[in-house]
Protein backbone atom coordinates (compact mmCIF):
# COMPACT_ATOMS: atom_id res chain seq x y z
CA MET A 1 12.13 13.38 13.74
CA LYS A 2 10.15 10.41 15.63
CA TYR A 3 6.75 12.56 15.19
CA ILE A 4 7.50 12.67 11.41
CA VAL A 5 8.48 9.09 11.13
CA LEU A 6 5.14 8.18 12.58
CA HIS A 7 3.39 9.96 9.98
CA ILE A 8 5.63 8.42 7.25
CA HIS A 9 4.80 4.81 8.52
CA MET A 10 1.07 5.71 7.93
CA HIS A 11 1.56 6.44 4.17
CA GLU A 12 2.64 4.56 1.26
CA LEU A 13 5.21 6.93 -0.18
CA ASN A 14 9.16 7.49 -1.02
CA LEU A 15 10.61 10.37 1.01
CA GLY A 16 14.09 11.40 1.69
CA CYS A 17 16.27 13.81 3.71
CA ASP A 18 18.33 16.16 1.93
CA LYS A 19 21.10 16.82 4.61
CA PRO A 20 24.30 19.15 4.74
CA SER A 21 27.41 17.42 4.37
CA ILE A 22 28.57 17.67 7.92
CA CYS A 23 25.37 15.92 9.10
CA ILE A 24 25.05 13.42 6.35
CA SER A 25 26.20 10.48 8.48
CA SER A 26 24.04 11.02 11.38
CA THR A 27 20.53 10.96 10.58
CA GLY A 28 18.56 8.37 12.51
CA GLU A 29 17.75 5.81 9.71
CA GLU A 30 17.06 3.24 12.18
CA LEU A 31 14.02 4.63 13.12
CA LEU A 32 12.83 4.67 9.41
CA ARG A 33 11.41 2.18 7.14
CA PRO A 34 13.38 1.17 3.99
CA ASP A 35 11.77 3.58 1.62
CA PHE A 36 12.82 6.75 3.52
CA HIS A 37 16.31 7.87 2.02
CA VAL A 38 19.09 10.15 2.78
CA ALA A 39 20.23 12.38 -0.02
CA ALA A 40 23.35 14.67 0.08
CA GLN A 41 23.01 18.25 -1.57
CA ASN A 42 26.00 18.18 -3.80
CA CYS A 43 29.01 15.91 -5.00
CA TRP A 44 32.11 16.68 -7.13
CA VAL A 45 32.25 15.98 -10.95
CA LYS A 46 35.02 13.57 -10.97
CA LYS A 47 37.22 11.04 -8.90
CA GLY A 48 38.82 12.65 -5.93
CA GLY A 49 41.98 14.64 -6.02
CA ALA A 50 42.95 18.29 -4.75
CA PHE A 51 39.82 19.66 -4.78
CA THR A 52 39.68 21.25 -1.37
CA GLY A 53 36.42 21.27 0.27
CA GLU A 54 34.41 19.41 -2.18
CA VAL A 55 32.57 15.75 -1.21
CA SER A 56 33.09 13.19 -3.79
CA ALA A 57 30.56 10.53 -4.78
CA GLU A 58 32.73 7.87 -3.67
CA MET A 59 32.82 9.43 -0.23
CA LEU A 60 28.82 9.24 -0.15
CA VAL A 61 28.73 5.63 -1.54
CA ASN A 62 31.19 4.82 1.35
CA LEU A 63 28.90 6.41 3.81
CA GLY A 64 26.13 4.47 2.24
CA ILE A 65 24.12 7.57 1.16
CA PRO A 66 21.99 6.49 -2.13
CA TRP A 67 20.81 9.79 -3.20
CA VAL A 68 22.45 13.27 -4.23
CA ILE A 69 20.79 16.45 -5.52
CA LEU A 70 22.48 17.93 -8.40
CA GLY A 71 22.21 21.49 -10.25
CA HIS A 72 20.25 23.21 -7.70
CA SER A 73 19.55 26.27 -8.61
CA GLU A 74 21.91 28.13 -5.98
CA ARG A 75 25.04 26.20 -7.40
CA ARG A 76 24.13 27.16 -11.09
CA LEU A 77 23.41 30.65 -10.24
CA ILE A 78 25.78 31.61 -7.48
CA LEU A 79 28.57 28.98 -8.20
CA ASN A 80 28.23 29.36 -12.05
CA GLU A 81 27.73 25.60 -12.77
CA SER A 82 26.96 25.46 -16.32
CA ASN A 83 24.53 23.02 -17.93
CA GLU A 84 27.35 20.87 -19.52
CA PHE A 85 29.03 21.04 -15.98
CA VAL A 86 25.70 19.74 -13.99
CA GLY A 87 25.28 17.19 -17.02
CA ASP A 88 29.10 15.80 -16.26
CA LYS A 89 28.51 15.61 -12.44
CA VAL A 90 25.01 13.55 -13.15
CA ALA A 91 26.82 11.29 -15.29
CA TYR A 92 29.82 10.70 -12.59
CA ALA A 93 27.48 10.19 -9.67
CA LEU A 94 25.32 7.64 -11.70
CA SER A 95 28.58 5.84 -12.72
CA GLN A 96 29.44 5.53 -8.77
CA GLY A 97 26.38 3.99 -8.02
CA LEU A 98 24.11 7.02 -6.49
CA LYS A 99 20.82 8.07 -7.41
CA VAL A 100 20.26 11.68 -8.84
CA ILE A 101 17.66 14.37 -8.11
CA ALA A 102 18.78 16.48 -10.85
CA CYS A 103 17.18 20.15 -10.72
CA VAL A 104 16.10 22.34 -13.57
CA GLY A 105 14.32 25.60 -13.88
CA GLU A 106 14.12 29.19 -15.04
CA THR A 107 14.68 32.75 -13.25
CA LEU A 108 12.04 35.35 -13.21
CA GLU A 109 13.85 37.27 -15.96
CA GLN A 110 13.85 34.12 -17.94
CA ARG A 111 10.20 33.45 -16.86
CA GLU A 112 9.11 37.13 -17.74
CA SER A 113 10.80 36.95 -21.13
CA GLY A 114 8.68 34.02 -22.33
CA SER A 115 11.97 31.69 -22.53
CA THR A 116 11.03 29.42 -19.41
CA MET A 117 10.49 26.02 -21.66
CA GLU A 118 13.75 27.07 -23.94
CA VAL A 119 15.84 27.52 -20.65
CA VAL A 120 14.69 24.04 -18.97
CA ALA A 121 14.75 22.06 -22.02
CA ALA A 122 18.59 23.34 -22.54
CA GLN A 123 19.21 22.27 -19.06
CA THR A 124 17.35 19.09 -19.27
CA LYS A 125 19.21 18.10 -22.88
CA ALA A 126 22.66 18.42 -21.04
CA ILE A 127 21.77 16.03 -18.37
CA ALA A 128 20.08 13.69 -20.99
CA GLU A 129 23.17 13.70 -23.46
CA GLN A 130 25.09 12.03 -20.56
CA VAL A 131 22.13 9.48 -18.96
CA LYS A 132 22.14 6.00 -20.65
CA ASP A 133 19.71 4.85 -18.07
CA TRP A 134 17.21 6.91 -16.49
CA THR A 135 15.89 4.25 -13.24
CA ASN A 136 18.13 6.28 -11.08
CA VAL A 137 17.04 9.92 -12.16
CA VAL A 138 14.43 12.17 -10.90
CA LEU A 139 13.94 15.57 -12.66
CA ALA A 140 13.05 18.55 -9.91
CA TYR A 141 11.54 21.46 -11.55
CA GLU A 142 12.28 24.58 -9.54
CA PRO A 143 11.23 27.82 -10.61
CA VAL A 144 14.05 29.77 -9.31
CA TRP A 145 11.66 32.99 -8.45
CA ALA A 146 9.65 31.15 -6.24
CA ILE A 147 12.30 29.36 -3.94
CA GLY A 148 12.42 30.43 -0.56
CA THR A 149 10.41 33.58 -1.65
CA GLY A 150 6.96 32.41 -0.54
CA LYS A 151 5.80 33.21 -4.20
CA VAL A 152 4.97 29.79 -5.09
CA ALA A 153 4.20 29.09 -8.75
CA THR A 154 0.27 28.40 -8.46
CA PRO A 155 -0.81 24.94 -9.16
CA ALA A 156 -1.67 26.09 -12.57
CA GLN A 157 1.46 27.75 -12.86
CA ALA A 158 3.21 24.81 -12.00
CA GLN A 159 1.28 22.92 -14.37
CA ARG A 160 1.76 25.07 -17.17
CA THR A 161 5.48 25.02 -16.88
CA ILE A 162 5.97 21.35 -16.31
CA CYS A 163 2.88 21.13 -19.32
CA SER A 164 3.01 22.87 -22.62
CA VAL A 165 2.98 26.74 -22.14
CA PHE A 166 1.38 27.04 -25.85
CA SER A 167 -1.53 24.92 -24.97
CA ILE A 168 -3.77 23.30 -22.32
CA ARG A 169 -2.70 19.87 -22.90
CA VAL A 170 -2.36 17.56 -20.05
CA HIS A 171 0.86 16.14 -20.82
CA SER A 172 3.87 17.87 -19.63
CA GLU A 173 6.26 19.93 -22.02
CA LEU A 174 9.23 18.55 -20.12
CA ARG A 175 7.61 14.77 -20.42
CA LYS A 176 7.14 15.52 -24.10
CA TRP A 177 10.62 16.37 -24.52
CA LEU A 178 11.80 13.49 -22.79
CA LYS A 179 9.46 11.24 -25.12
CA ALA A 180 10.94 12.83 -28.39
CA SER A 181 14.49 13.20 -27.15
CA THR A 182 15.15 9.73 -25.13
CA SER A 183 11.88 7.33 -25.38
CA PRO A 184 8.42 7.02 -24.47
CA GLU A 185 9.30 4.86 -21.79
CA VAL A 186 11.64 7.18 -20.24
CA ALA A 187 9.08 9.97 -20.44
CA ALA A 188 6.15 7.91 -18.94
CA THR A 189 8.46 6.36 -15.67
CA THR A 190 10.76 9.33 -14.92
CA ARG A 191 9.36 11.54 -11.92
CA ILE A 192 9.25 15.20 -12.32
CA ILE A 193 8.89 16.66 -8.85
CA TYR A 194 8.25 20.27 -8.17
CA GLY A 195 10.09 22.58 -5.80
CA GLY A 196 9.43 26.36 -4.96
CA SER A 197 7.90 27.52 -1.43
CA VAL A 198 5.80 24.17 -1.05
CA ASN A 199 3.88 24.23 1.96
CA ALA A 200 0.92 22.84 3.62
CA ALA A 201 -1.50 25.32 2.26
CA ASN A 202 -0.63 24.61 -1.28
CA SER A 203 0.84 21.08 -1.32
CA LYS A 204 -2.44 18.98 -1.87
CA GLU A 205 -3.43 21.24 -4.94
CA LEU A 206 0.05 21.06 -6.54
CA ALA A 207 0.06 17.35 -5.92
CA ALA A 208 -3.15 16.88 -7.73
CA GLN A 209 -1.74 18.47 -10.83
CA PRO A 210 -1.30 15.38 -13.79
CA ASP A 211 2.33 15.95 -13.89
CA VAL A 212 3.61 16.76 -10.57
CA ASP A 213 5.07 13.54 -9.03
CA GLY A 214 6.29 14.85 -5.84
CA PHE A 215 8.04 17.77 -4.41
CA LEU A 216 11.44 19.15 -3.40
CA VAL A 217 10.77 20.60 0.22
CA GLY A 218 12.89 23.43 1.63
CA GLY A 219 12.22 25.55 4.56
CA ALA A 220 8.66 23.78 5.14
CA SER A 221 10.61 20.21 5.89
CA LEU A 222 11.90 21.91 9.18
CA LYS A 223 8.16 22.78 10.37
CA PRO A 224 5.29 20.90 11.64
CA GLU A 225 3.42 21.55 8.52
CA PHE A 226 5.66 19.11 6.76
CA ILE A 227 3.29 16.32 8.03
CA GLU A 228 0.57 17.93 5.90
CA ILE A 229 3.02 18.23 2.98
CA ILE A 230 3.79 14.33 3.43
CA LYS A 231 -0.07 13.48 3.36
CA SER A 232 -0.39 15.43 0.34
CA ALA A 233 1.01 12.45 -1.36
CA GLU A 234 -2.38 10.46 -0.79
CA VAL A 235 -4.18 13.15 -3.01
CA LYS A 236 -3.88 11.20 -6.34
CA LYS A 237 -4.52 7.92 -4.93
CA ASN A 238 -7.59 9.14 -3.58
CA ALA A 239 -9.02 10.77 -6.74
C-alpha cells in the first residue's frame, strides 16, 4: 500500500479502492491524500430491514464511505439484478449521500448479435430515469466478455463501443445518448470509465481514447503493474 501511495502522490488523479464489505473500514486512509477514496462493491436498494447479509447505504454512510459500485455485471448476471432494480439502487444510494459508479455492459452473445448499444442504452436508461443530479455518478462500461478473461477489448474496440458502432465519429454513443436523453451538460461532464482486463500493457493506449475517462481495474490492481496503470492517467495531459 505504501508503495502505491508514493506513486499516487506523484500524479494528479482521482483514485479509489473498492473493497469487500468486511474489509471496508480498515483501508489506511490516513496514508492517502484527500482525492483517494474508498468505495463499497455493493449496497442494498432501500432502507434497512430484514435483508440478512445485505449492506445498507446507511451503513456505508455511517462508516464514512463515500462511493459504491452498483450494477456490476456479476450481480446482473448471477444474482439476476434487472436494469430497473439497478436503477432503484442507484437512486437510493444517491438519496443517502453516496456517490455511485454505475456499471453497464454487454455479454459476448449480445456483442456478437450486434446489440451492444441497445443493451447499454437500456441499462443506462434505467439509471437515467432515476437520476436528477449527475454530479455524483460515474458510468463504468464493462464489456462482460472481457472481464477477468484477459480478452480485453482492444483500444479501438473500447472506443467503438463507447463511440458510435455505425460511424467513425469521435463522440461516444453513450455520451451522445446522454446528450439526447438528459442534457448536453450531463453528457459533457459525466465520466465514462472502462473496465475489462485493463493491465499495464494496454492501459496507456486505452487511456488515450477520447471518451475513456479512467478505469475500473480488477485483478491488475493487486499486482505491481497497477503503478503503470496509475501512470496512464497522464497520457491525455501530456498529449
